[in-house]
Amino acid sequence: MKKIHPRTVFPYYYFFCQLSFFITKMTSLLISHSHNANSHTHAKND
């Protein structure tokens, strides 16, 4: 196996961090949105 240099790995690591942060942000937005939608439907049902 070739020795991996940190300089070549860092961009991928940085990209992965950005991607995971973006996914977390989007999922939290989706969850809050669906939660608001559910609360609205519950309010209508009442």
N, C-alpha and C. Protein backbone atom coordinates (compact mmCIF):
# COMPACT_ATOMS: atom_id res chain seq x y z
N MET A 1 0.84 -1.21 0.00
CA MET A 1 0.00 0.00 0.00
C MET A 1 0.87 1.26 0.00
N LYS A 2 0.42 2.24 -0.73
CA LYS A 2 1.16 3.50 -0.74
C LYS A 2 0.86 4.29 0.52
N LYS A 3 1.84 5.03 0.96
CA LYS A 3 1.64 5.86 2.14
C LYS A 3 0.80 7.09 1.75
N ILE A 4 -0.24 7.32 2.51
CA ILE A 4 -1.13 8.44 2.18
C ILE A 4 -0.62 9.71 2.84
N HIS A 5 -0.47 10.75 2.05
CA HIS A 5 0.00 12.02 2.59
C HIS A 5 -1.18 12.84 3.08
N PRO A 6 -1.07 13.45 4.24
CA PRO A 6 -2.17 14.26 4.79
C PRO A 6 -2.62 15.35 3.82
N ARG A 7 -1.68 15.86 3.04
CA ARG A 7 -2.02 16.95 2.14
C ARG A 7 -3.03 16.51 1.09
N THR A 8 -2.97 15.25 0.69
CA THR A 8 -3.93 14.76 -0.31
C THR A 8 -5.24 14.36 0.34
N VAL A 9 -5.18 13.99 1.61
CA VAL A 9 -6.38 13.54 2.31
C VAL A 9 -7.21 14.73 2.83
N PHE A 10 -6.54 15.80 3.19
CA PHE A 10 -7.24 16.92 3.81
C PHE A 10 -8.41 17.47 3.00
N PRO A 11 -8.27 17.71 1.69
CA PRO A 11 -9.42 18.21 0.93
C PRO A 11 -10.62 17.29 1.02
N TYR A 12 -10.39 15.99 0.98
CA TYR A 12 -11.50 15.05 1.09
C TYR A 12 -12.13 15.12 2.48
N TYR A 13 -11.30 15.23 3.48
CA TYR A 13 -11.79 15.33 4.87
C TYR A 13 -12.60 16.60 5.05
N TYR A 14 -12.11 17.70 4.50
CA TYR A 14 -12.81 18.98 4.59
C TYR A 14 -14.15 18.90 3.87
N PHE A 15 -14.15 18.31 2.68
CA PHE A 15 -15.37 18.15 1.90
C PHE A 15 -16.38 17.29 2.66
N PHE A 16 -15.90 16.24 3.29
CA PHE A 16 -16.77 15.35 4.06
C PHE A 16 -17.40 16.10 5.23
N CYS A 17 -16.61 16.93 5.90
CA CYS A 17 -17.13 17.72 7.03
C CYS A 17 -18.20 18.69 6.55
N GLN A 18 -17.94 19.35 5.43
CA GLN A 18 -18.91 20.29 4.89
C GLN A 18 -20.19 19.55 4.50
N LEU A 19 -20.04 18.39 3.89
CA LEU A 19 -21.19 17.60 3.45
C LEU A 19 -22.01 17.14 4.64
N SER A 20 -21.35 16.63 5.66
CA SER A 20 -22.08 16.16 6.84
C SER A 20 -22.80 17.32 7.53
N PHE A 21 -22.16 18.48 7.58
CA PHE A 21 -22.79 19.66 8.18
C PHE A 21 -24.02 20.06 7.39
N PHE A 22 -23.91 20.04 6.06
CA PHE A 22 -25.03 20.39 5.19
C PHE A 22 -26.18 19.42 5.37
N ILE A 23 -25.87 18.13 5.45
CA ILE A 23 -26.91 17.11 5.63
C ILE A 23 -27.60 17.29 6.97
N THR A 24 -26.83 17.56 8.00
CA THR A 24 -27.42 17.77 9.33
C THR A 24 -28.34 18.98 9.31
N LYS A 25 -27.90 20.03 8.65
CA LYS A 25 -28.69 21.26 8.56
C LYS A 25 -30.00 21.00 7.82
N MET A 26 -29.91 20.30 6.70
CA MET A 26 -31.10 20.02 5.90
C MET A 26 -32.07 19.11 6.65
N THR A 27 -31.55 18.09 7.31
CA THR A 27 -32.44 17.17 8.03
C THR A 27 -33.14 17.90 9.17
N SER A 28 -32.42 18.78 9.87
CA SER A 28 -33.05 19.53 10.97
C SER A 28 -34.13 20.45 10.41
N LEU A 29 -33.88 21.05 9.24
CA LEU A 29 -34.88 21.92 8.63
C LEU A 29 -36.10 21.10 8.22
N LEU A 30 -35.86 19.93 7.63
CA LEU A 30 -36.97 19.08 7.21
C LEU A 30 -37.78 18.61 8.42
N ILE A 31 -37.09 18.25 9.48
CA ILE A 31 -37.77 17.78 10.69
C ILE A 31 -38.63 18.89 11.27
N SER A 32 -38.06 20.09 11.37
CA SER A 32 -38.82 21.21 11.93
C SER A 32 -40.00 21.54 11.02
N HIS A 33 -39.80 21.46 9.71
CA HIS A 33 -40.88 21.75 8.76
C HIS A 33 -42.00 20.73 8.89
N SER A 34 -41.64 19.47 8.93
CA SER A 34 -42.67 18.42 9.05
C SER A 34 -43.37 18.54 10.41
N HIS A 35 -42.62 18.91 11.43
CA HIS A 35 -43.22 19.08 12.77
C HIS A 35 -44.23 20.22 12.74
N ASN A 36 -43.89 21.32 12.08
CA ASN A 36 -44.81 22.44 11.97
C ASN A 36 -46.05 22.04 11.18
N ALA A 37 -45.85 21.26 10.12
CA ALA A 37 -46.98 20.80 9.31
C ALA A 37 -47.89 19.91 10.15
N ASN A 38 -47.29 19.04 10.95
CA ASN A 38 -48.08 18.15 11.80
C ASN A 38 -48.87 18.94 12.83
N SER A 39 -48.26 19.96 13.40
CA SER A 39 -48.96 20.77 14.40
C SER A 39 -50.12 21.51 13.74
N HIS A 40 -49.93 21.95 12.50
CA HIS A 40 -51.00 22.64 11.80
C HIS A 40 -52.16 21.68 11.53
N THR A 41 -51.84 20.47 11.10
CA THR A 41 -52.89 19.50 10.81
C THR A 41 -53.63 19.14 12.09
N HIS A 42 -52.89 19.01 13.18
CA HIS A 42 -53.54 18.69 14.46
C HIS A 42 -54.46 19.83 14.88
N ALA A 43 -54.02 21.05 14.64
CA ALA A 43 -54.84 22.21 15.00
C ALA A 43 -56.13 22.21 14.17
N LYS A 44 -56.00 21.86 12.89
CA LYS A 44 -57.18 21.82 12.02
C LYS A 44 -58.13 20.71 12.48
N ASN A 45 -57.56 19.58 12.87
CA ASN A 45 -58.40 18.47 13.31
C ASN A 45 -59.17 18.83 14.57
N ASP A 46 -58.55 19.62 15.43
CA ASP A 46 -59.24 20.03 16.66
C ASP A 46 -60.34 21.01 16.29
